[in-house]
PDB file of N, CA and C in Angstrom:
ATOM      1  N   MET A   1      19.017 -90.112 -50.552  1.00  0.00           N
ATOM      2  CA  MET A   1      17.944 -89.161 -49.668  1.00  0.00           C
ATOM      3  C   MET A   1      18.186 -89.848 -48.602  1.00  0.00           C
ATOM      4  N   SER A   2      17.244 -89.062 -47.062  1.00  0.00           N
ATOM      5  CA  SER A   2      17.338 -89.742 -46.215  1.00  0.00           C
ATOM      6  C   SER A   2      15.853 -89.540 -45.313  1.00  0.00           C
ATOM      7  N   THR A   3      15.527 -90.351 -44.130  1.00  0.00           N
ATOM      8  CA  THR A   3      14.439 -90.683 -43.935  1.00  0.00           C
ATOM      9  C   THR A   3      14.316 -89.164 -43.320  1.00  0.00           C
ATOM     10  N   CYS A   4      12.767 -88.316 -43.531  1.00  0.00           N
ATOM     11  CA  CYS A   4      12.592 -87.025 -42.911  1.00  0.00           C
ATOM     12  C   CYS A   4      12.668 -87.525 -40.903  1.00  0.00           C
ATOM     13  N   THR A   5      12.885 -86.768 -40.434  1.00  0.00           N
ATOM     14  CA  THR A   5      13.190 -86.689 -39.005  1.00  0.00           C
ATOM     15  C   THR A   5      11.735 -85.964 -38.346  1.00  0.00           C
ATOM     16  N   ILE A   6      11.188 -84.790 -39.219  1.00  0.00           N
ATOM     17  CA  ILE A   6       9.787 -84.602 -38.800  1.00  0.00           C
ATOM     18  C   ILE A   6       8.929 -85.652 -38.546  1.00  0.00           C
ATOM     19  N   CYS A   7       8.247 -86.174 -39.640  1.00  0.00           N
ATOM     20  CA  CYS A   7       7.378 -86.997 -39.645  1.00  0.00           C
ATOM     21  C   CYS A   7       7.856 -88.575 -39.624  1.00  0.00           C
ATOM     22  N   GLY A   8       9.023 -88.973 -39.287  1.00  0.00           N
ATOM     23  CA  GLY A   8       9.597 -90.310 -39.193  1.00  0.00           C
ATOM     24  C   GLY A   8       9.788 -91.102 -40.531  1.00  0.00           C
ATOM     25  N   GLY A   9       9.205 -90.349 -41.658  1.00  0.00           N
ATOM     26  CA  GLY A   9       9.004 -91.063 -43.246  1.00  0.00           C
ATOM     27  C   GLY A   9       7.637 -91.245 -43.654  1.00  0.00           C
ATOM     28  N   SER A  10       6.671 -91.000 -42.722  1.00  0.00           N
ATOM     29  CA  SER A  10       5.588 -91.520 -42.622  1.00  0.00           C
ATOM     30  C   SER A  10       5.061 -90.439 -43.879  1.00  0.00           C
ATOM     31  N   GLY A  11       5.340 -89.113 -44.039  1.00  0.00           N
ATOM     32  CA  GLY A  11       4.681 -88.189 -44.806  1.00  0.00           C
ATOM     33  C   GLY A  11       3.629 -87.600 -44.143  1.00  0.00           C
ATOM     34  N   ILE A  12       3.126 -87.909 -43.000  1.00  0.00           N
ATOM     35  CA  ILE A  12       2.152 -87.523 -41.988  1.00  0.00           C
ATOM     36  C   ILE A  12       2.634 -86.791 -40.619  1.00  0.00           C
ATOM     37  N   GLN A  13       2.291 -85.766 -40.331  1.00  0.00           N
ATOM     38  CA  GLN A  13       2.394 -85.119 -39.103  1.00  0.00           C
ATOM     39  C   GLN A  13       1.677 -84.928 -38.323  1.00  0.00           C
ATOM     40  N   ARG A  14       1.372 -85.521 -36.813  1.00  0.00           N
ATOM     41  CA  ARG A  14       0.763 -85.288 -36.011  1.00  0.00           C
ATOM     42  C   ARG A  14       0.876 -83.646 -35.148  1.00  0.00           C
ATOM     43  N   VAL A  15      -0.145 -82.992 -35.219  1.00  0.00           N
ATOM     44  CA  VAL A  15      -0.524 -81.837 -35.129  1.00  0.00           C
ATOM     45  C   VAL A  15      -0.816 -81.869 -33.360  1.00  0.00           C
ATOM     46  N   SER A  16      -1.959 -82.441 -33.273  1.00  0.00           N
ATOM     47  CA  SER A  16      -2.382 -82.627 -31.645  1.00  0.00           C
ATOM     48  C   SER A  16      -3.048 -84.062 -31.392  1.00  0.00           C
ATOM     49  N   GLY A  17      -3.825 -84.389 -30.340  1.00  0.00           N
ATOM     50  CA  GLY A  17      -4.334 -85.608 -30.558  1.00  0.00           C
ATOM     51  C   GLY A  17      -4.940 -86.369 -31.591  1.00  0.00           C
ATOM     52  N   GLN A  18      -5.545 -85.648 -32.023  1.00  0.00           N
ATOM     53  CA  GLN A  18      -6.766 -86.337 -33.109  1.00  0.00           C
ATOM     54  C   GLN A  18      -6.484 -85.845 -34.273  1.00  0.00           C
ATOM     55  N   ARG A  19      -5.413 -84.711 -34.327  1.00  0.00           N
ATOM     56  CA  ARG A  19      -5.111 -84.037 -36.050  1.00  0.00           C
ATOM     57  C   ARG A  19      -4.073 -84.296 -36.262  1.00  0.00           C
ATOM     58  N   PHE A  20      -3.836 -84.195 -37.899  1.00  0.00           N
ATOM     59  CA  PHE A  20      -2.491 -85.008 -38.489  1.00  0.00           C
ATOM     60  C   PHE A  20      -2.743 -83.750 -39.782  1.00  0.00           C
ATOM     61  N   ARG A  21      -1.650 -83.628 -40.164  1.00  0.00           N
ATOM     62  CA  ARG A  21      -1.664 -83.150 -41.625  1.00  0.00           C
ATOM     63  C   ARG A  21      -0.323 -83.475 -42.502  1.00  0.00           C
ATOM     64  N   THR A  22      -0.018 -83.361 -43.965  1.00  0.00           N
ATOM     65  CA  THR A  22       0.807 -83.467 -44.518  1.00  0.00           C
ATOM     66  C   THR A  22       2.570 -83.135 -43.937  1.00  0.00           C
ATOM     67  N   CYS A  23       3.477 -83.412 -43.893  1.00  0.00           N
ATOM     68  CA  CYS A  23       4.470 -83.150 -43.488  1.00  0.00           C
ATOM     69  C   CYS A  23       5.075 -81.862 -44.081  1.00  0.00           C
ATOM     70  N   LEU A  24       5.431 -80.974 -43.749  1.00  0.00           N
ATOM     71  CA  LEU A  24       5.514 -79.708 -44.607  1.00  0.00           C
ATOM     72  C   LEU A  24       7.010 -79.941 -44.969  1.00  0.00           C
ATOM     73  N   ALA A  25       8.122 -80.500 -44.141  1.00  0.00           N
ATOM     74  CA  ALA A  25       9.260 -80.334 -44.630  1.00  0.00           C
ATOM     75  C   ALA A  25      10.018 -81.472 -45.445  1.00  0.00           C
ATOM     76  N   CYS A  26       8.659 -82.162 -45.829  1.00  0.00           N
ATOM     77  CA  CYS A  26       9.164 -83.362 -46.994  1.00  0.00           C
ATOM     78  C   CYS A  26       7.856 -83.372 -48.038  1.00  0.00           C
ATOM     79  N   LEU A  27       7.400 -82.255 -47.725  1.00  0.00           N
ATOM     80  CA  LEU A  27       6.129 -82.377 -48.577  1.00  0.00           C
ATOM     81  C   LEU A  27       5.052 -83.479 -48.520  1.00  0.00           C
ATOM     82  N   GLY A  28       5.080 -84.390 -47.473  1.00  0.00           N
ATOM     83  CA  GLY A  28       3.843 -85.791 -47.896  1.00  0.00           C
ATOM     84  C   GLY A  28       5.067 -86.824 -48.252  1.00  0.00           C
ATOM     85  N   GLN A  29       6.219 -86.974 -49.053  1.00  0.00           N
ATOM     86  CA  GLN A  29       6.829 -87.544 -49.286  1.00  0.00           C
ATOM     87  C   GLN A  29       7.700 -88.341 -48.318  1.00  0.00           C
ATOM     88  N   GLY A  30       7.773 -88.418 -47.088  1.00  0.00           N
ATOM     89  CA  GLY A  30       8.854 -89.179 -46.009  1.00  0.00           C
ATOM     90  C   GLY A  30      10.140 -89.217 -46.259  1.00  0.00           C
ATOM     91  N   GLN A  31      10.866 -88.638 -47.248  1.00  0.00           N
ATOM     92  CA  GLN A  31      12.244 -88.246 -47.457  1.00  0.00           C
ATOM     93  C   GLN A  31      12.480 -86.958 -47.835  1.00  0.00           C
ATOM     94  N   LEU A  32      13.861 -86.887 -47.130  1.00  0.00           N
ATOM     95  CA  LEU A  32      14.196 -85.421 -47.509  1.00  0.00           C
ATOM     96  C   LEU A  32      15.510 -86.064 -48.562  1.00  0.00           C
ATOM     97  N   SER A  33      15.604 -84.887 -49.749  1.00  0.00           N
ATOM     98  CA  SER A  33      16.431 -84.792 -50.542  1.00  0.00           C
ATOM     99  C   SER A  33      17.658 -83.549 -50.625  1.00  0.00           C
ATOM    100  N   PRO A  34      18.714 -83.803 -50.497  1.00  0.00           N
ATOM    101  CA  PRO A  34      19.718 -82.976 -50.289  1.00  0.00           C
ATOM    102  C   PRO A  34      19.443 -81.979 -51.746  1.00  0.00           C
ATOM    103  N   ALA A  35      20.190 -81.061 -51.294  1.00  0.00           N
ATOM    104  CA  ALA A  35      20.145 -79.492 -52.229  1.00  0.00           C
ATOM    105  C   ALA A  35      21.020 -79.982 -53.209  1.00  0.00           C
ATOM    106  N   ILE A  36      20.523 -79.788 -54.645  1.00  0.00           N
ATOM    107  CA  ILE A  36      21.402 -79.744 -55.956  1.00  0.00           C
ATOM    108  C   ILE A  36      22.046 -78.776 -55.753  1.00  0.00           C
ATOM    109  N   GLN A  37      22.318 -77.545 -55.526  1.00  0.00           N
ATOM    110  CA  GLN A  37      23.224 -76.909 -55.716  1.00  0.00           C
ATOM    111  C   GLN A  37      23.142 -75.726 -54.392  1.00  0.00           C
ATOM    112  N   ALA A  38      24.114 -75.192 -53.682  1.00  0.00           N
ATOM    113  CA  ALA A  38      24.034 -74.428 -52.945  1.00  0.00           C
ATOM    114  C   ALA A  38      23.374 -73.068 -53.329  1.00  0.00           C
ATOM    115  N   ALA A  39      22.581 -72.358 -52.113  1.00  0.00           N
ATOM    116  CA  ALA A  39      21.854 -71.006 -52.583  1.00  0.00           C
ATOM    117  C   ALA A  39      23.089 -70.342 -53.009  1.00  0.00           C
ATOM    118  N   PRO A  40      22.813 -69.379 -54.387  1.00  0.00           N
ATOM    119  CA  PRO A  40      23.337 -68.444 -54.810  1.00  0.00           C
ATOM    120  C   PRO A  40      23.964 -67.485 -53.675  1.00  0.00           C
ATOM    121  N   MET A  41      23.098 -66.908 -52.557  1.00  0.00           N
ATOM    122  CA  MET A  41      23.620 -65.900 -51.802  1.00  0.00           C
ATOM    123  C   MET A  41      24.739 -66.250 -51.114  1.00  0.00           C
ATOM    124  N   ASN A  42      24.749 -67.669 -50.833  1.00  0.00           N
ATOM    125  CA  ASN A  42      26.369 -67.716 -50.332  1.00  0.00           C
ATOM    126  C   ASN A  42      27.718 -67.511 -50.733  1.00  0.00           C
ATOM    127  N   GLN A  43      27.453 -67.151 -52.142  1.00  0.00           N
ATOM    128  CA  GLN A  43      28.320 -67.432 -52.932  1.00  0.00           C
ATOM    129  C   GLN A  43      28.781 -65.770 -53.307  1.00  0.00           C
ATOM    130  N   LEU A  44      27.747 -65.133 -53.172  1.00  0.00           N
ATOM    131  CA  LEU A  44      27.813 -63.364 -53.847  1.00  0.00           C
ATOM    132  C   LEU A  44      28.750 -62.836 -52.693  1.00  0.00           C
ATOM    133  N   SER A  45      29.282 -62.388 -53.120  1.00  0.00           N
ATOM    134  CA  SER A  45      30.131 -60.752 -52.201  1.00  0.00           C
ATOM    135  C   SER A  45      29.199 -59.687 -52.519  1.00  0.00           C
ATOM    136  N   THR A  46      29.215 -58.639 -51.431  1.00  0.00           N
ATOM    137  CA  THR A  46      28.247 -57.475 -51.348  1.00  0.00           C
ATOM    138  C   THR A  46      28.586 -56.580 -52.617  1.00  0.00           C
ATOM    139  N   SER A  47      29.770 -56.688 -52.553  1.00  0.00           N
ATOM    140  CA  SER A  47      29.986 -55.869 -54.061  1.00  0.00           C
ATOM    141  C   SER A  47      29.970 -56.309 -55.416  1.00  0.00           C
ATOM    142  N   ASP A  48      29.187 -57.458 -55.546  1.00  0.00           N
ATOM    143  CA  ASP A  48      28.291 -58.197 -57.347  1.00  0.00           C
ATOM    144  C   ASP A  48      27.239 -58.055 -56.844  1.00  0.00           C
ATOM    145  N   MET A  49      26.226 -57.184 -55.746  1.00  0.00           N
ATOM    146  CA  MET A  49      24.807 -57.167 -55.689  1.00  0.00           C
ATOM    147  C   MET A  49      24.764 -55.654 -56.351  1.00  0.00           C
ATOM    148  N   THR A  50      23.737 -55.300 -57.363  1.00  0.00           N
ATOM    149  CA  THR A  50      23.526 -54.049 -57.715  1.00  0.00           C
ATOM    150  C   THR A  50      21.501 -53.851 -56.990  1.00  0.00           C
ATOM    151  N   VAL A  51      21.594 -52.814 -57.076  1.00  0.00           N
ATOM    152  CA  VAL A  51      20.128 -52.267 -56.377  1.00  0.00           C
ATOM    153  C   VAL A  51      19.381 -51.700 -57.778  1.00  0.00           C
ATOM    154  N   THR A  52      18.098 -51.872 -57.855  1.00  0.00           N
ATOM    155  CA  THR A  52      17.640 -51.413 -59.116  1.00  0.00           C
ATOM    156  C   THR A  52      15.901 -51.606 -58.436  1.00  0.00           C
ATOM    157  N   PRO A  53      15.148 -50.237 -58.794  1.00  0.00           N
ATOM    158  CA  PRO A  53      14.269 -49.771 -57.926  1.00  0.00           C
ATOM    159  C   PRO A  53      13.019 -50.741 -58.299  1.00  0.00           C
ATOM    160  N   LEU A  54      12.242 -50.835 -57.532  1.00  0.00           N
ATOM    161  CA  LEU A  54      11.395 -51.948 -58.193  1.00  0.00           C
ATOM    162  C   LEU A  54      10.109 -50.788 -58.748  1.00  0.00           C
ATOM    163  N   SER A  55      10.112 -49.386 -58.400  1.00  0.00           N
ATOM    164  CA  SER A  55       9.061 -48.874 -58.694  1.00  0.00           C
ATOM    165  C   SER A  55       9.325 -47.504 -59.517  1.00  0.00           C
ATOM    166  N   GLY A  56       8.784 -47.082 -60.898  1.00  0.00           N
ATOM    167  CA  GLY A  56       9.018 -46.609 -61.485  1.00  0.00           C
ATOM    168  C   GLY A  56       9.006 -44.573 -60.705  1.00  0.00           C
ATOM    169  N   LEU A  57       8.537 -44.659 -59.798  1.00  0.00           N
ATOM    170  CA  LEU A  57       8.467 -43.256 -58.826  1.00  0.00           C
ATOM    171  C   LEU A  57       9.804 -43.175 -57.927  1.00  0.00           C
ATOM    172  N   VAL A  58      10.749 -42.000 -58.752  1.00  0.00           N
ATOM    173  CA  VAL A  58      12.061 -41.555 -57.716  1.00  0.00           C
ATOM    174  C   VAL A  58      11.830 -40.718 -57.261  1.00  0.00           C
ATOM    175  N   ARG A  59      12.299 -40.575 -55.698  1.00  0.00           N
ATOM    176  CA  ARG A  59      11.869 -39.445 -55.461  1.00  0.00           C
ATOM    177  C   ARG A  59      13.580 -38.449 -55.615  1.00  0.00           C
ATOM    178  N   GLN A  60      13.156 -37.243 -55.521  1.00  0.00           N
ATOM    179  CA  GLN A  60      13.962 -36.543 -56.008  1.00  0.00           C
ATOM    180  C   GLN A  60      14.655 -35.814 -54.638  1.00  0.00           C
ATOM    181  N   GLN A  61      16.010 -35.666 -54.913  1.00  0.00           N
ATOM    182  CA  GLN A  61      16.979 -35.512 -53.160  1.00  0.00           C
ATOM    183  C   GLN A  61      17.090 -33.616 -53.885  1.00  0.00           C
ATOM    184  N   SER A  62      17.343 -33.566 -52.562  1.00  0.00           N
ATOM    185  CA  SER A  62      16.983 -31.690 -52.690  1.00  0.00           C
ATOM    186  C   SER A  62      18.390 -31.396 -51.738  1.00  0.00           C
TER     187      SER A  62
END
């Protein structure tokens, strides 16, 4: 794990002069953990993808 570069490891991010919030990059932990596994979209080719309709309504072609 490495120290968050956004909040400097505090877990709190300065928004303005007197406003602070939880750092969203590290979720307030102050540490960034490496990804456990690469995103699957990086490993797929376009021929592996199939398209399925999200709705039961399908327009008929004329």
